[in-house]
Amino acid sequence: LSEKLAEEADPTGNSQDASRVILLT
């Protein structure tokens, strides 16, 4: 995820369930 998209809420809520995230900042 880019930082901008990580800050936005995923309307489906799926991003909250992810156990592995690479954040680009």
mmCIF file of all heavy atoms, coordinates in Angstrom:
data_MODEL
# 
_entry.id   MODEL 
# 
loop_
_atom_site.group_PDB 
_atom_site.id 
_atom_site.type_symbol 
_atom_site.label_atom_id 
_atom_site.label_alt_id 
_atom_site.label_comp_id 
_atom_site.label_asym_id 
_atom_site.label_entity_id 
_atom_site.label_seq_id 
_atom_site.pdbx_PDB_ins_code 
_atom_site.Cartn_x 
_atom_site.Cartn_y 
_atom_site.Cartn_z 
_atom_site.occupancy 
_atom_site.B_iso_or_equiv 
_atom_site.pdbx_formal_charge 
_atom_site.auth_seq_id 
_atom_site.auth_comp_id 
_atom_site.auth_asym_id 
_atom_site.auth_atom_id 
_atom_site.pdbx_PDB_model_num 
ATOM 1   N N   . LEU A 1 1  ? 0.810   -1.214  0.000  1.00 0.00 ? 1  LEU A N   1 
ATOM 2   C CA  . LEU A 1 1  ? 0.000   0.000   0.000  1.00 0.00 ? 1  LEU A CA  1 
ATOM 3   C C   . LEU A 1 1  ? 0.840   1.259   0.000  1.00 0.00 ? 1  LEU A C   1 
ATOM 4   O O   . LEU A 1 1  ? 1.820   1.349   0.738  1.00 0.00 ? 1  LEU A O   1 
ATOM 5   C CB  . LEU A 1 1  ? -0.890  0.036   1.250  1.00 0.00 ? 1  LEU A CB  1 
ATOM 6   C CG  . LEU A 1 1  ? -1.904  -1.075  1.428  1.00 0.00 ? 1  LEU A CG  1 
ATOM 7   C CD1 . LEU A 1 1  ? -2.522  -1.007  2.808  1.00 0.00 ? 1  LEU A CD1 1 
ATOM 8   C CD2 . LEU A 1 1  ? -2.968  -0.988  0.358  1.00 0.00 ? 1  LEU A CD2 1 
ATOM 9   N N   . SER A 1 2  ? 0.419   2.243   -0.783 1.00 0.00 ? 2  SER A N   1 
ATOM 10  C CA  . SER A 1 2  ? 1.026   3.561   -0.653 1.00 0.00 ? 2  SER A CA  1 
ATOM 11  C C   . SER A 1 2  ? 0.476   4.167   0.633  1.00 0.00 ? 2  SER A C   1 
ATOM 12  O O   . SER A 1 2  ? -0.589  3.778   1.127  1.00 0.00 ? 2  SER A O   1 
ATOM 13  C CB  . SER A 1 2  ? 0.670   4.448   -1.848 1.00 0.00 ? 2  SER A CB  1 
ATOM 14  O OG  . SER A 1 2  ? -0.708  4.761   -1.847 1.00 0.00 ? 2  SER A OG  1 
ATOM 15  N N   . GLU A 1 3  ? 1.212   5.099   1.172  1.00 0.00 ? 3  GLU A N   1 
ATOM 16  C CA  . GLU A 1 3  ? 0.791   5.713   2.425  1.00 0.00 ? 3  GLU A CA  1 
ATOM 17  C C   . GLU A 1 3  ? -0.588  6.370   2.307  1.00 0.00 ? 3  GLU A C   1 
ATOM 18  O O   . GLU A 1 3  ? -1.426  6.233   3.184  1.00 0.00 ? 3  GLU A O   1 
ATOM 19  C CB  . GLU A 1 3  ? 1.831   6.753   2.837  1.00 0.00 ? 3  GLU A CB  1 
ATOM 20  C CG  . GLU A 1 3  ? 1.604   7.321   4.207  1.00 0.00 ? 3  GLU A CG  1 
ATOM 21  C CD  . GLU A 1 3  ? 2.755   8.208   4.599  1.00 0.00 ? 3  GLU A CD  1 
ATOM 22  O OE1 . GLU A 1 3  ? 3.429   8.774   3.730  1.00 0.00 ? 3  GLU A OE1 1 
ATOM 23  O OE2 . GLU A 1 3  ? 2.967   8.333   5.810  1.00 0.00 ? 3  GLU A OE2 1 
ATOM 24  N N   . LYS A 1 4  ? -0.827  7.021   1.182  1.00 0.00 ? 4  LYS A N   1 
ATOM 25  C CA  . LYS A 1 4  ? -2.118  7.690   0.975  1.00 0.00 ? 4  LYS A CA  1 
ATOM 26  C C   . LYS A 1 4  ? -3.278  6.692   1.033  1.00 0.00 ? 4  LYS A C   1 
ATOM 27  O O   . LYS A 1 4  ? -4.277  6.927   1.712  1.00 0.00 ? 4  LYS A O   1 
ATOM 28  C CB  . LYS A 1 4  ? -2.123  8.413   -0.370 1.00 0.00 ? 4  LYS A CB  1 
ATOM 29  C CG  . LYS A 1 4  ? -3.424  9.121   -0.656 1.00 0.00 ? 4  LYS A CG  1 
ATOM 30  C CD  . LYS A 1 4  ? -3.406  9.781   -2.018 1.00 0.00 ? 4  LYS A CD  1 
ATOM 31  C CE  . LYS A 1 4  ? -4.726  10.448  -2.273 1.00 0.00 ? 4  LYS A CE  1 
ATOM 32  N NZ  . LYS A 1 4  ? -5.391  9.986   -3.452 1.00 0.00 ? 4  LYS A NZ  1 
ATOM 33  N N   . LEU A 1 5  ? -3.134  5.572   0.343  1.00 0.00 ? 5  LEU A N   1 
ATOM 34  C CA  . LEU A 1 5  ? -4.211  4.584   0.346  1.00 0.00 ? 5  LEU A CA  1 
ATOM 35  C C   . LEU A 1 5  ? -4.327  3.881   1.695  1.00 0.00 ? 5  LEU A C   1 
ATOM 36  O O   . LEU A 1 5  ? -5.409  3.478   2.095  1.00 0.00 ? 5  LEU A O   1 
ATOM 37  C CB  . LEU A 1 5  ? -4.027  3.571   -0.778 1.00 0.00 ? 5  LEU A CB  1 
ATOM 38  C CG  . LEU A 1 5  ? -4.327  4.126   -2.178 1.00 0.00 ? 5  LEU A CG  1 
ATOM 39  C CD1 . LEU A 1 5  ? -3.924  3.133   -3.240 1.00 0.00 ? 5  LEU A CD1 1 
ATOM 40  C CD2 . LEU A 1 5  ? -5.791  4.484   -2.316 1.00 0.00 ? 5  LEU A CD2 1 
ATOM 41  N N   . ALA A 1 6  ? -3.214  3.743   2.394  1.00 0.00 ? 6  ALA A N   1 
ATOM 42  C CA  . ALA A 1 6  ? -3.267  3.124   3.726  1.00 0.00 ? 6  ALA A CA  1 
ATOM 43  C C   . ALA A 1 6  ? -4.035  4.008   4.700  1.00 0.00 ? 6  ALA A C   1 
ATOM 44  O O   . ALA A 1 6  ? -4.702  3.508   5.607  1.00 0.00 ? 6  ALA A O   1 
ATOM 45  C CB  . ALA A 1 6  ? -1.860  2.868   4.252  1.00 0.00 ? 6  ALA A CB  1 
ATOM 46  N N   . GLU A 1 7  ? -3.951  5.324   4.508  1.00 0.00 ? 7  GLU A N   1 
ATOM 47  C CA  . GLU A 1 7  ? -4.662  6.249   5.388  1.00 0.00 ? 7  GLU A CA  1 
ATOM 48  C C   . GLU A 1 7  ? -6.158  6.262   5.115  1.00 0.00 ? 7  GLU A C   1 
ATOM 49  O O   . GLU A 1 7  ? -6.953  6.572   5.982  1.00 0.00 ? 7  GLU A O   1 
ATOM 50  C CB  . GLU A 1 7  ? -4.093  7.664   5.240  1.00 0.00 ? 7  GLU A CB  1 
ATOM 51  C CG  . GLU A 1 7  ? -2.699  7.797   5.815  1.00 0.00 ? 7  GLU A CG  1 
ATOM 52  C CD  . GLU A 1 7  ? -2.075  9.150   5.531  1.00 0.00 ? 7  GLU A CD  1 
ATOM 53  O OE1 . GLU A 1 7  ? -2.675  9.972   4.792  1.00 0.00 ? 7  GLU A OE1 1 
ATOM 54  O OE2 . GLU A 1 7  ? -0.975  9.395   6.042  1.00 0.00 ? 7  GLU A OE2 1 
ATOM 55  N N   . GLU A 1 8  ? -6.530  5.947   3.877  1.00 0.00 ? 8  GLU A N   1 
ATOM 56  C CA  . GLU A 1 8  ? -7.950  5.904   3.523  1.00 0.00 ? 8  GLU A CA  1 
ATOM 57  C C   . GLU A 1 8  ? -8.546  4.601   4.054  1.00 0.00 ? 8  GLU A C   1 
ATOM 58  O O   . GLU A 1 8  ? -7.905  3.566   4.055  1.00 0.00 ? 8  GLU A O   1 
ATOM 59  C CB  . GLU A 1 8  ? -8.130  5.948   2.004  1.00 0.00 ? 8  GLU A CB  1 
ATOM 60  C CG  . GLU A 1 8  ? -7.671  7.236   1.386  1.00 0.00 ? 8  GLU A CG  1 
ATOM 61  C CD  . GLU A 1 8  ? -7.749  7.189   -0.138 1.00 0.00 ? 8  GLU A CD  1 
ATOM 62  O OE1 . GLU A 1 8  ? -8.267  6.202   -0.699 1.00 0.00 ? 8  GLU A OE1 1 
ATOM 63  O OE2 . GLU A 1 8  ? -7.268  8.142   -0.746 1.00 0.00 ? 8  GLU A OE2 1 
ATOM 64  N N   . ALA A 1 9  ? -9.756  4.663   4.450  1.00 0.00 ? 9  ALA A N   1 
ATOM 65  C CA  . ALA A 1 9  ? -10.430 3.456   4.941  1.00 0.00 ? 9  ALA A CA  1 
ATOM 66  C C   . ALA A 1 9  ? -10.883 2.614   3.756  1.00 0.00 ? 9  ALA A C   1 
ATOM 67  O O   . ALA A 1 9  ? -11.457 3.126   2.804  1.00 0.00 ? 9  ALA A O   1 
ATOM 68  C CB  . ALA A 1 9  ? -11.625 3.833   5.794  1.00 0.00 ? 9  ALA A CB  1 
ATOM 69  N N   . ASP A 1 10 ? -10.615 1.321   3.815  1.00 0.00 ? 10 ASP A N   1 
ATOM 70  C CA  . ASP A 1 10 ? -11.136 0.398   2.814  1.00 0.00 ? 10 ASP A CA  1 
ATOM 71  C C   . ASP A 1 10 ? -12.606 0.174   3.146  1.00 0.00 ? 10 ASP A C   1 
ATOM 72  O O   . ASP A 1 10 ? -12.933 -0.338  4.203  1.00 0.00 ? 10 ASP A O   1 
ATOM 73  C CB  . ASP A 1 10 ? -10.360 -0.920  2.867  1.00 0.00 ? 10 ASP A CB  1 
ATOM 74  C CG  . ASP A 1 10 ? -10.913 -1.975  1.919  1.00 0.00 ? 10 ASP A CG  1 
ATOM 75  O OD1 . ASP A 1 10 ? -11.842 -1.661  1.145  1.00 0.00 ? 10 ASP A OD1 1 
ATOM 76  O OD2 . ASP A 1 10 ? -10.423 -3.106  1.964  1.00 0.00 ? 10 ASP A OD2 1 
ATOM 77  N N   . PRO A 1 11 ? -13.507 0.579   2.246  1.00 0.00 ? 11 PRO A N   1 
ATOM 78  C CA  . PRO A 1 11 ? -14.928 0.431   2.537  1.00 0.00 ? 11 PRO A CA  1 
ATOM 79  C C   . PRO A 1 11 ? -15.362 -1.004  2.811  1.00 0.00 ? 11 PRO A C   1 
ATOM 80  O O   . PRO A 1 11 ? -16.343 -1.241  3.484  1.00 0.00 ? 11 PRO A O   1 
ATOM 81  C CB  . PRO A 1 11 ? -15.630 0.978   1.300  1.00 0.00 ? 11 PRO A CB  1 
ATOM 82  C CG  . PRO A 1 11 ? -14.592 1.400   0.354  1.00 0.00 ? 11 PRO A CG  1 
ATOM 83  C CD  . PRO A 1 11 ? -13.241 1.155   0.949  1.00 0.00 ? 11 PRO A CD  1 
ATOM 84  N N   . THR A 1 12 ? -14.617 -1.993  2.296  1.00 0.00 ? 12 THR A N   1 
ATOM 85  C CA  . THR A 1 12 ? -15.000 -3.388  2.536  1.00 0.00 ? 12 THR A CA  1 
ATOM 86  C C   . THR A 1 12 ? -14.456 -3.881  3.863  1.00 0.00 ? 12 THR A C   1 
ATOM 87  O O   . THR A 1 12 ? -14.839 -4.938  4.339  1.00 0.00 ? 12 THR A O   1 
ATOM 88  C CB  . THR A 1 12 ? -14.455 -4.308  1.420  1.00 0.00 ? 12 THR A CB  1 
ATOM 89  O OG1 . THR A 1 12 ? -13.037 -4.283  1.467  1.00 0.00 ? 12 THR A OG1 1 
ATOM 90  C CG2 . THR A 1 12 ? -14.952 -3.887  0.060  1.00 0.00 ? 12 THR A CG2 1 
ATOM 91  N N   . GLY A 1 13 ? -13.506 -3.149  4.432  1.00 0.00 ? 13 GLY A N   1 
ATOM 92  C CA  . GLY A 1 13 ? -12.913 -3.548  5.697  1.00 0.00 ? 13 GLY A CA  1 
ATOM 93  C C   . GLY A 1 13 ? -11.851 -4.617  5.550  1.00 0.00 ? 13 GLY A C   1 
ATOM 94  O O   . GLY A 1 13 ? -11.248 -5.049  6.518  1.00 0.00 ? 13 GLY A O   1 
ATOM 95  N N   . ASN A 1 14 ? -11.585 -5.061  4.335  1.00 0.00 ? 14 ASN A N   1 
ATOM 96  C CA  . ASN A 1 14 ? -10.630 -6.150  4.128  1.00 0.00 ? 14 ASN A CA  1 
ATOM 97  C C   . ASN A 1 14 ? -9.210  -5.801  4.518  1.00 0.00 ? 14 ASN A C   1 
ATOM 98  O O   . ASN A 1 14 ? -8.451  -6.658  4.924  1.00 0.00 ? 14 ASN A O   1 
ATOM 99  C CB  . ASN A 1 14 ? -10.651 -6.614  2.670  1.00 0.00 ? 14 ASN A CB  1 
ATOM 100 C CG  . ASN A 1 14 ? -11.878 -7.410  2.359  1.00 0.00 ? 14 ASN A CG  1 
ATOM 101 O OD1 . ASN A 1 14 ? -12.532 -7.938  3.258  1.00 0.00 ? 14 ASN A OD1 1 
ATOM 102 N ND2 . ASN A 1 14 ? -12.220 -7.490  1.095  1.00 0.00 ? 14 ASN A ND2 1 
ATOM 103 N N   . SER A 1 15 ? -8.828  -4.545  4.410  1.00 0.00 ? 15 SER A N   1 
ATOM 104 C CA  . SER A 1 15 ? -7.446  -4.195  4.720  1.00 0.00 ? 15 SER A CA  1 
ATOM 105 C C   . SER A 1 15 ? -7.155  -4.411  6.192  1.00 0.00 ? 15 SER A C   1 
ATOM 106 O O   . SER A 1 15 ? -6.022  -4.659  6.570  1.00 0.00 ? 15 SER A O   1 
ATOM 107 C CB  . SER A 1 15 ? -7.164  -2.744  4.334  1.00 0.00 ? 15 SER A CB  1 
ATOM 108 O OG  . SER A 1 15 ? -7.971  -1.876  5.105  1.00 0.00 ? 15 SER A OG  1 
ATOM 109 N N   . GLN A 1 16 ? -8.166  -4.335  7.027  1.00 0.00 ? 16 GLN A N   1 
ATOM 110 C CA  . GLN A 1 16 ? -7.972  -4.530  8.452  1.00 0.00 ? 16 GLN A CA  1 
ATOM 111 C C   . GLN A 1 16 ? -7.671  -5.987  8.781  1.00 0.00 ? 16 GLN A C   1 
ATOM 112 O O   . GLN A 1 16 ? -7.088  -6.292  9.798  1.00 0.00 ? 16 GLN A O   1 
ATOM 113 C CB  . GLN A 1 16 ? -9.219  -4.082  9.229  1.00 0.00 ? 16 GLN A CB  1 
ATOM 114 C CG  . GLN A 1 16 ? -9.700  -2.685  8.875  1.00 0.00 ? 16 GLN A CG  1 
ATOM 115 C CD  . GLN A 1 16 ? -8.615  -1.635  8.961  1.00 0.00 ? 16 GLN A CD  1 
ATOM 116 O OE1 . GLN A 1 16 ? -7.822  -1.637  9.887  1.00 0.00 ? 16 GLN A OE1 1 
ATOM 117 N NE2 . GLN A 1 16 ? -8.560  -0.746  7.985  1.00 0.00 ? 16 GLN A NE2 1 
ATOM 118 N N   . ASP A 1 17 ? -8.075  -6.902  7.909  1.00 0.00 ? 17 ASP A N   1 
ATOM 119 C CA  . ASP A 1 17 ? -7.875  -8.328  8.143  1.00 0.00 ? 17 ASP A CA  1 
ATOM 120 C C   . ASP A 1 17 ? -6.536  -8.835  7.625  1.00 0.00 ? 17 ASP A C   1 
ATOM 121 O O   . ASP A 1 17 ? -6.174  -9.964  7.875  1.00 0.00 ? 17 ASP A O   1 
ATOM 122 C CB  . ASP A 1 17 ? -8.993  -9.129  7.458  1.00 0.00 ? 17 ASP A CB  1 
ATOM 123 C CG  . ASP A 1 17 ? -10.361 -8.772  8.010  1.00 0.00 ? 17 ASP A CG  1 
ATOM 124 O OD1 . ASP A 1 17 ? -10.435 -8.362  9.181  1.00 0.00 ? 17 ASP A OD1 1 
ATOM 125 O OD2 . ASP A 1 17 ? -11.331 -8.900  7.264  1.00 0.00 ? 17 ASP A OD2 1 
ATOM 126 N N   . ALA A 1 18 ? -5.827  -8.000  6.893  1.00 0.00 ? 18 ALA A N   1 
ATOM 127 C CA  . ALA A 1 18 ? -4.567  -8.448  6.302  1.00 0.00 ? 18 ALA A CA  1 
ATOM 128 C C   . ALA A 1 18 ? -3.517  -8.633  7.385  1.00 0.00 ? 18 ALA A C   1 
ATOM 129 O O   . ALA A 1 18 ? -3.346  -7.790  8.245  1.00 0.00 ? 18 ALA A O   1 
ATOM 130 C CB  . ALA A 1 18 ? -4.094  -7.430  5.268  1.00 0.00 ? 18 ALA A CB  1 
ATOM 131 N N   . SER A 1 19 ? -2.841  -9.753  7.328  1.00 0.00 ? 19 SER A N   1 
ATOM 132 C CA  . SER A 1 19 ? -1.802  -9.996  8.325  1.00 0.00 ? 19 SER A CA  1 
ATOM 133 C C   . SER A 1 19 ? -0.440  -9.549  7.824  1.00 0.00 ? 19 SER A C   1 
ATOM 134 O O   . SER A 1 19 ? 0.470   -9.373  8.605  1.00 0.00 ? 19 SER A O   1 
ATOM 135 C CB  . SER A 1 19 ? -1.775  -11.474 8.695  1.00 0.00 ? 19 SER A CB  1 
ATOM 136 O OG  . SER A 1 19 ? -1.507  -12.239 7.544  1.00 0.00 ? 19 SER A OG  1 
ATOM 137 N N   . ARG A 1 20 ? -0.285  -9.367  6.531  1.00 0.00 ? 20 ARG A N   1 
ATOM 138 C CA  . ARG A 1 20 ? 0.995   -8.966  5.970  1.00 0.00 ? 20 ARG A CA  1 
ATOM 139 C C   . ARG A 1 20 ? 0.816   -7.720  5.108  1.00 0.00 ? 20 ARG A C   1 
ATOM 140 O O   . ARG A 1 20 ? 0.080   -7.747  4.128  1.00 0.00 ? 20 ARG A O   1 
ATOM 141 C CB  . ARG A 1 20 ? 1.578   -10.102 5.156  1.00 0.00 ? 20 ARG A CB  1 
ATOM 142 C CG  . ARG A 1 20 ? 1.878   -11.321 6.039  1.00 0.00 ? 20 ARG A CG  1 
ATOM 143 C CD  . ARG A 1 20 ? 2.358   -12.467 5.244  1.00 0.00 ? 20 ARG A CD  1 
ATOM 144 N NE  . ARG A 1 20 ? 1.215   -13.075 4.550  1.00 0.00 ? 20 ARG A NE  1 
ATOM 145 C CZ  . ARG A 1 20 ? 1.265   -14.234 3.931  1.00 0.00 ? 20 ARG A CZ  1 
ATOM 146 N NH1 . ARG A 1 20 ? 2.394   -14.895 3.874  1.00 0.00 ? 20 ARG A NH1 1 
ATOM 147 N NH2 . ARG A 1 20 ? 0.216   -14.733 3.350  1.00 0.00 ? 20 ARG A NH2 1 
ATOM 148 N N   . VAL A 1 21 ? 1.503   -6.645  5.499  1.00 0.00 ? 21 VAL A N   1 
ATOM 149 C CA  . VAL A 1 21 ? 1.367   -5.365  4.808  1.00 0.00 ? 21 VAL A CA  1 
ATOM 150 C C   . VAL A 1 21 ? 2.756   -4.786  4.573  1.00 0.00 ? 21 VAL A C   1 
ATOM 151 O O   . VAL A 1 21 ? 3.587   -4.767  5.473  1.00 0.00 ? 21 VAL A O   1 
ATOM 152 C CB  . VAL A 1 21 ? 0.530   -4.363  5.633  1.00 0.00 ? 21 VAL A CB  1 
ATOM 153 C CG1 . VAL A 1 21 ? 0.490   -3.000  4.952  1.00 0.00 ? 21 VAL A CG1 1 
ATOM 154 C CG2 . VAL A 1 21 ? -0.877  -4.894  5.862  1.00 0.00 ? 21 VAL A CG2 1 
ATOM 155 N N   . ILE A 1 22 ? 2.985   -4.307  3.350  1.00 0.00 ? 22 ILE A N   1 
ATOM 156 C CA  . ILE A 1 22 ? 4.180   -3.536  3.036  1.00 0.00 ? 22 ILE A CA  1 
ATOM 157 C C   . ILE A 1 22 ? 3.686   -2.122  2.761  1.00 0.00 ? 22 ILE A C   1 
ATOM 158 O O   . ILE A 1 22 ? 2.887   -1.901  1.857  1.00 0.00 ? 22 ILE A O   1 
ATOM 159 C CB  . ILE A 1 22 ? 4.930   -4.115  1.827  1.00 0.00 ? 22 ILE A CB  1 
ATOM 160 C CG1 . ILE A 1 22 ? 5.407   -5.536  2.145  1.00 0.00 ? 22 ILE A CG1 1 
ATOM 161 C CG2 . ILE A 1 22 ? 6.102   -3.212  1.446  1.00 0.00 ? 22 ILE A CG2 1 
ATOM 162 C CD1 . ILE A 1 22 ? 6.018   -6.258  0.963  1.00 0.00 ? 22 ILE A CD1 1 
ATOM 163 N N   . LEU A 1 23 ? 4.134   -1.182  3.579  1.00 0.00 ? 23 LEU A N   1 
ATOM 164 C CA  . LEU A 1 23 ? 3.710   0.212   3.474  1.00 0.00 ? 23 LEU A CA  1 
ATOM 165 C C   . LEU A 1 23 ? 4.798   1.011   2.784  1.00 0.00 ? 23 LEU A C   1 
ATOM 166 O O   . LEU A 1 23 ? 5.959   0.989   3.200  1.00 0.00 ? 23 LEU A O   1 
ATOM 167 C CB  . LEU A 1 23 ? 3.442   0.791   4.868  1.00 0.00 ? 23 LEU A CB  1 
ATOM 168 C CG  . LEU A 1 23 ? 3.061   2.266   4.939  1.00 0.00 ? 23 LEU A CG  1 
ATOM 169 C CD1 . LEU A 1 23 ? 1.737   2.522   4.232  1.00 0.00 ? 23 LEU A CD1 1 
ATOM 170 C CD2 . LEU A 1 23 ? 2.998   2.717   6.391  1.00 0.00 ? 23 LEU A CD2 1 
ATOM 171 N N   . LEU A 1 24 ? 4.431   1.727   1.716  1.00 0.00 ? 24 LEU A N   1 
ATOM 172 C CA  . LEU A 1 24 ? 5.369   2.580   0.991  1.00 0.00 ? 24 LEU A CA  1 
ATOM 173 C C   . LEU A 1 24 ? 5.143   4.013   1.438  1.00 0.00 ? 24 LEU A C   1 
ATOM 174 O O   . LEU A 1 24 ? 4.058   4.548   1.276  1.00 0.00 ? 24 LEU A O   1 
ATOM 175 C CB  . LEU A 1 24 ? 5.132   2.457   -0.519 1.00 0.00 ? 24 LEU A CB  1 
ATOM 176 C CG  . LEU A 1 24 ? 5.104   1.044   -1.093 1.00 0.00 ? 24 LEU A CG  1 
ATOM 177 C CD1 . LEU A 1 24 ? 4.812   1.088   -2.577 1.00 0.00 ? 24 LEU A CD1 1 
ATOM 178 C CD2 . LEU A 1 24 ? 6.400   0.322   -0.813 1.00 0.00 ? 24 LEU A CD2 1 
ATOM 179 N N   . THR A 1 25 ? 6.166   4.628   2.023  1.00 0.00 ? 25 THR A N   1 
ATOM 180 C CA  . THR A 1 25 ? 6.012   5.974   2.560  1.00 0.00 ? 25 THR A CA  1 
ATOM 181 C C   . THR A 1 25 ? 7.098   6.903   2.029  1.00 0.00 ? 25 THR A C   1 
ATOM 182 O O   . THR A 1 25 ? 8.212   6.471   1.742  1.00 0.00 ? 25 THR A O   1 
ATOM 183 C CB  . THR A 1 25 ? 6.034   5.971   4.104  1.00 0.00 ? 25 THR A CB  1 
ATOM 184 O OG1 . THR A 1 25 ? 5.880   7.304   4.575  1.00 0.00 ? 25 THR A OG1 1 
ATOM 185 C CG2 . THR A 1 25 ? 7.316   5.389   4.654  1.00 0.00 ? 25 THR A CG2 1 
# 
